[in-house]
């Protein structure tokens, strides 16, 4: 499994983690919170393409060791997915585990579920899911191939192996989706009585105390490519509790908020 990426600047050290598809576990958030408090500046930073960072690291070896025990670094490069589509997220996770360790950090792979929001992210490799089919299309600037969901991770890994030594492009911020950001009460795609909650963060910054709260909720959480979170498959009553707990603490549930 890849180790966290270490970035050293003249005045600080940061750790960068790439959870493929943005998929995280409750335990990941608890570990992030404790590591941020003990070895960094007590904040968790979400950046472009579902990336997680801890900054101003004071004890590098201890922070790396602690975070190496999590599932937050499933990939050596960024692998993003349509955050409201379970098939896309799972395929992205599978691709992340197949990515060669030699893949350049600034490569971006995306799994688009058909709405174009991931396709627009300036990807090096894009995987297009076909609705209700096991067939996928894998595309780069130079070539395109058709394969199956099962074979797609290895197909992408082979493409990345070729791209890894040639990609020196600067990594830009994620492009906003062509539709509204997935923030707020997201129920149109859910069964009756169930909902997903999209959350925004001002400048992608979350205090460790909030990260701990997220972990203690024990619900599936995806990090979106746009510095936000999705809380998945909640009963409506539980979703209302989440909003009441987190909104006063600065998390944003209004897609029209000026702080996004």
Protein backbone atom coordinates (compact mmCIF):
# COMPACT_ATOMS: atom_id res chain seq x y z
CA UNK A 1 0.00 0.00 0.00
CA UNK A 2 1.36 3.49 -0.83
CA UNK A 3 2.73 5.63 1.99
CA UNK A 4 1.48 9.18 2.53
CA UNK A 5 3.11 11.73 0.23
CA UNK A 6 5.49 14.01 2.14
CA UNK A 7 5.78 17.62 0.99
CA UNK A 8 8.50 19.74 2.61
CA UNK A 9 8.55 23.52 2.29
CA UNK A 10 11.02 26.01 3.71
CA UNK A 11 8.93 26.55 6.82
CA UNK A 12 6.68 23.47 7.17
CA UNK A 13 6.05 19.83 6.29
CA UNK A 14 2.76 18.41 5.01
CA UNK A 15 1.38 14.91 4.49
CA UNK A 16 -0.87 14.30 1.50
CA UNK A 17 -3.21 11.30 1.20
CA UNK A 18 -5.18 10.05 -1.81
CA UNK A 19 -8.26 7.99 -0.82
CA UNK A 20 -9.34 6.58 -4.19
CA UNK A 21 -12.89 7.55 -5.04
CA UNK A 22 -12.91 9.67 -1.88
CA UNK A 23 -13.95 6.59 0.11
CA UNK A 24 -13.24 6.82 3.85
CA UNK A 25 -14.16 4.91 6.99
CA UNK A 26 -15.20 6.15 10.41
CA UNK A 27 -11.89 4.96 11.84
CA UNK A 28 -10.01 7.01 9.23
CA UNK A 29 -11.57 10.21 10.57
CA UNK A 30 -10.75 9.33 14.16
CA UNK A 31 -7.13 8.67 13.21
CA UNK A 32 -6.96 11.88 11.20
CA UNK A 33 -8.30 13.87 14.14
CA UNK A 34 -5.85 12.40 16.63
CA UNK A 35 -2.88 12.69 14.26
CA UNK A 36 -3.73 16.31 13.45
CA UNK A 37 -3.87 17.15 17.16
CA UNK A 38 -0.76 15.25 18.19
CA UNK A 39 1.61 15.85 15.28
CA UNK A 40 0.26 18.74 13.13
CA UNK A 41 -1.64 22.02 13.46
CA UNK A 42 -4.93 20.43 14.62
CA UNK A 43 -6.65 20.91 11.25
CA UNK A 44 -7.58 18.54 8.42
CA UNK A 45 -7.38 20.06 4.94
CA UNK A 46 -9.41 18.83 1.98
CA UNK A 47 -7.93 19.89 -1.34
CA UNK A 48 -8.66 19.31 -5.01
CA UNK A 49 -9.41 15.86 -6.36
CA UNK A 50 -10.49 14.28 -3.04
CA UNK A 51 -7.08 14.79 -1.47
CA UNK A 52 -6.55 14.99 2.31
CA UNK A 53 -3.67 16.92 3.87
CA UNK A 54 -2.22 17.46 7.31
CA UNK A 55 0.04 20.50 7.53
CA UNK A 56 2.73 21.92 9.79
CA UNK A 57 3.82 18.44 10.85
CA UNK A 58 5.98 18.46 13.97
CA UNK A 59 6.79 14.74 14.28
CA UNK A 60 6.94 13.33 10.78
CA UNK A 61 7.78 9.69 11.45
CA UNK A 62 5.04 9.32 14.04
CA UNK A 63 2.43 10.95 11.79
CA UNK A 64 3.36 8.76 8.82
CA UNK A 65 3.27 5.61 10.94
CA UNK A 66 -0.16 6.43 12.35
CA UNK A 67 -1.74 7.32 9.02
CA UNK A 68 -0.17 4.32 7.30
CA UNK A 69 -2.56 2.18 9.34
CA UNK A 70 -5.60 3.83 7.72
CA UNK A 71 -7.31 3.30 4.36
CA UNK A 72 -6.82 6.95 3.39
CA UNK A 73 -3.95 6.35 0.96
CA UNK A 74 -5.24 3.69 -1.40
CA UNK A 75 -3.50 5.26 -4.38
CA UNK A 76 -0.19 6.84 -5.37
CA UNK A 77 -2.05 9.42 -7.45
CA UNK A 78 -5.47 11.05 -7.42
CA UNK A 79 -8.42 8.82 -8.38
CA UNK A 80 -11.78 10.61 -8.27
CA UNK A 81 -15.33 9.44 -8.93
CA UNK A 82 -18.90 10.69 -9.27
CA UNK A 83 -19.52 11.00 -5.51
CA UNK A 84 -23.22 10.05 -5.57
CA UNK A 85 -22.73 6.89 -7.60
CA UNK A 86 -21.77 3.79 -5.61
CA UNK A 87 -20.54 1.87 -8.69
CA UNK A 88 -18.27 4.74 -9.68
CA UNK A 89 -16.83 5.07 -6.19
CA UNK A 90 -16.16 1.36 -5.89
CA UNK A 91 -14.51 1.17 -9.31
CA UNK A 92 -12.33 4.16 -8.40
CA UNK A 93 -11.31 2.38 -5.21
CA UNK A 94 -10.38 -0.74 -7.19
CA UNK A 95 -8.39 1.38 -9.65
CA UNK A 96 -6.57 3.08 -6.76
CA UNK A 97 -5.36 -0.24 -5.37
CA UNK A 98 -4.08 -1.22 -8.84
CA UNK A 99 -2.21 2.05 -9.51
CA UNK A 100 1.56 1.42 -9.65
CA UNK A 101 3.54 3.00 -6.81
CA UNK A 102 5.64 4.71 -9.46
CA UNK A 103 2.66 6.73 -10.76
CA UNK A 104 3.30 10.47 -10.63
CA UNK A 105 1.49 12.29 -7.83
CA UNK A 106 0.04 14.86 -10.22
CA UNK A 107 -1.73 12.29 -12.42
CA UNK A 108 -5.52 12.37 -12.11
CA UNK A 109 -7.80 9.44 -12.94
CA UNK A 110 -11.57 9.82 -12.94
CA UNK A 111 -14.58 7.50 -13.04
CA UNK A 112 -17.54 9.32 -14.58
CA UNK A 113 -21.01 7.87 -14.02
CA UNK A 114 -22.51 9.64 -17.03
CA UNK A 115 -23.27 13.17 -15.87
CA UNK A 116 -19.97 14.66 -17.08
CA UNK A 117 -19.01 16.16 -13.71
CA UNK A 118 -15.88 14.02 -13.45
CA UNK A 119 -15.03 14.07 -17.15
CA UNK A 120 -14.53 17.84 -16.82
CA UNK A 121 -11.83 17.56 -14.13
CA UNK A 122 -8.76 17.79 -16.39
CA UNK A 123 -8.10 14.07 -16.19
CA UNK A 124 -5.16 12.10 -17.51
CA UNK A 125 -7.33 8.97 -17.71
CA UNK A 126 -11.12 8.91 -17.69
CA UNK A 127 -13.23 5.80 -17.19
CA UNK A 128 -16.84 6.09 -18.38
CA UNK A 129 -19.42 3.83 -16.78
CA UNK A 130 -22.30 2.56 -18.89
CA UNK A 131 -25.57 2.49 -16.97
CA UNK A 132 -26.69 -1.04 -16.01
CA UNK A 133 -23.76 -2.61 -17.87
CA UNK A 134 -20.41 -4.12 -16.99
CA UNK A 135 -18.81 -2.44 -20.00
CA UNK A 136 -16.66 0.67 -19.51
CA UNK A 137 -14.74 2.99 -21.81
CA UNK A 138 -11.23 4.09 -20.84
CA UNK A 139 -9.91 7.23 -22.48
CA UNK A 140 -6.69 9.25 -22.52
CA UNK A 141 -5.59 12.09 -24.78
CA UNK A 142 -3.91 9.57 -27.09
CA UNK A 143 -6.13 6.51 -27.09
CA UNK A 144 -9.43 4.94 -26.12
CA UNK A 145 -10.33 1.35 -25.33
CA UNK A 146 -13.35 -0.66 -24.21
CA UNK A 147 -13.16 -3.18 -21.39
CA UNK A 148 -15.15 -4.45 -18.42
CA UNK A 149 -15.44 -3.16 -14.86
CA UNK A 150 -13.45 -6.16 -13.68
CA UNK A 151 -10.58 -5.55 -16.11
CA UNK A 152 -10.61 -1.73 -15.95
CA UNK A 153 -8.25 -1.37 -12.93
CA UNK A 154 -5.42 -3.21 -14.66
CA UNK A 155 -6.10 -1.41 -17.95
CA UNK A 156 -5.80 1.95 -16.17
CA UNK A 157 -2.69 0.84 -14.29
CA UNK A 158 -0.97 -0.03 -17.58
CA UNK A 159 -1.84 3.37 -19.02
CA UNK A 160 -0.55 5.14 -15.91
CA UNK A 161 2.71 3.22 -16.10
CA UNK A 162 3.28 4.80 -19.52
CA UNK A 163 2.19 8.26 -18.38
CA UNK A 164 4.12 8.30 -15.12
CA UNK A 165 7.50 9.33 -16.53
CA UNK A 166 6.11 11.87 -18.99
CA UNK A 167 3.64 13.93 -16.98
CA UNK A 168 5.27 17.09 -15.66
CA UNK A 169 2.15 19.23 -15.82
CA UNK A 170 1.29 21.46 -12.90
CA UNK A 171 -1.70 20.20 -10.91
CA UNK A 172 -4.57 22.66 -11.08
CA UNK A 173 -7.53 23.00 -8.76
CA UNK A 174 -10.58 20.87 -9.48
CA UNK A 175 -13.08 22.27 -11.97
CA UNK A 176 -16.51 22.97 -10.55
CA UNK A 177 -19.09 20.43 -11.76
CA UNK A 178 -21.41 21.20 -14.65
CA UNK A 179 -24.36 20.76 -12.29
CA UNK A 180 -24.77 22.18 -8.79
CA UNK A 181 -22.24 21.16 -6.19
CA UNK A 182 -23.52 18.10 -4.30
CA UNK A 183 -24.32 20.02 -1.12
CA UNK A 184 -27.43 19.88 1.04
CA UNK A 185 -30.30 17.42 1.17
CA UNK A 186 -29.70 14.93 -1.67
CA UNK A 187 -32.69 12.59 -1.97
CA UNK A 188 -33.73 12.43 -5.64
CA UNK A 189 -31.62 9.33 -6.31
CA UNK A 190 -32.46 7.64 -2.99
CA UNK A 191 -35.30 5.31 -1.90
CA UNK A 192 -38.18 6.95 -0.05
CA UNK A 193 -37.23 7.85 3.50
CA UNK A 194 -33.47 7.77 2.83
CA UNK A 195 -31.21 10.70 2.03
CA UNK A 196 -27.59 11.62 1.45
CA UNK A 197 -26.17 14.84 2.85
CA UNK A 198 -23.65 16.95 0.99
CA UNK A 199 -21.42 19.15 3.12
CA UNK A 200 -19.18 22.06 2.16
CA UNK A 201 -16.20 23.42 4.11
CA UNK A 202 -14.91 26.97 4.00
CA UNK A 203 -11.65 26.73 2.05
CA UNK A 204 -11.70 22.97 2.68
CA UNK A 205 -10.52 23.33 6.30
CA UNK A 206 -11.88 21.19 9.14
CA UNK A 207 -10.72 21.33 12.75
CA UNK A 208 -9.69 18.02 14.29
CA UNK A 209 -12.65 18.20 16.68
CA UNK A 210 -15.05 18.17 13.69
CA UNK A 211 -13.13 15.31 12.08
CA UNK A 212 -13.58 13.35 15.29
CA UNK A 213 -17.33 14.06 15.24
CA UNK A 214 -17.49 12.80 11.67
CA UNK A 215 -15.78 9.59 12.72
CA UNK A 216 -18.05 9.05 15.71
CA UNK A 217 -21.17 9.28 13.53
CA UNK A 218 -20.23 5.88 12.08
CA UNK A 219 -21.75 6.54 8.66
CA UNK A 220 -20.10 6.07 5.24
CA UNK A 221 -18.42 9.31 4.15
CA UNK A 222 -17.03 10.23 0.73
CA UNK A 223 -14.68 13.15 0.08
CA UNK A 224 -15.80 14.89 -3.11
CA UNK A 225 -13.39 16.26 -5.73
CA UNK A 226 -14.52 19.77 -4.66
CA UNK A 227 -13.34 19.84 -1.02
CA UNK A 228 -16.65 18.63 0.39
CA UNK A 229 -18.14 15.54 2.00
CA UNK A 230 -21.09 13.24 1.32
CA UNK A 231 -22.75 11.40 4.21
CA UNK A 232 -24.34 8.34 2.63
CA UNK A 233 -27.63 6.49 3.05
CA UNK A 234 -29.12 8.17 6.11
CA UNK A 235 -32.64 7.90 7.44
CA UNK A 236 -34.26 11.32 7.14
CA UNK A 237 -34.49 11.69 10.92
CA UNK A 238 -30.78 10.86 11.30
CA UNK A 239 -29.89 13.34 8.56
CA UNK A 240 -31.74 16.07 10.44
CA UNK A 241 -29.68 15.29 13.54
CA UNK A 242 -26.44 15.50 11.52
CA UNK A 243 -27.41 18.95 10.24
CA UNK A 244 -28.33 20.15 13.74
CA UNK A 245 -25.00 18.95 15.12
CA UNK A 246 -22.66 20.08 12.35
CA UNK A 247 -24.20 23.26 10.93
CA UNK A 248 -23.51 25.32 14.10
CA UNK A 249 -19.92 24.13 13.93
CA UNK A 250 -19.30 25.73 10.54
CA UNK A 251 -20.09 22.95 8.08
CA UNK A 252 -22.09 24.22 5.11
CA UNK A 253 -25.33 22.56 3.97
CA UNK A 254 -26.53 25.40 1.71
CA UNK A 255 -25.33 25.15 -1.90
CA UNK A 256 -25.86 28.91 -2.28
CA UNK A 257 -23.67 29.84 0.68
CA UNK A 258 -21.21 32.67 -0.09
CA UNK A 259 -18.57 30.77 1.90
CA UNK A 260 -18.25 27.96 -0.65
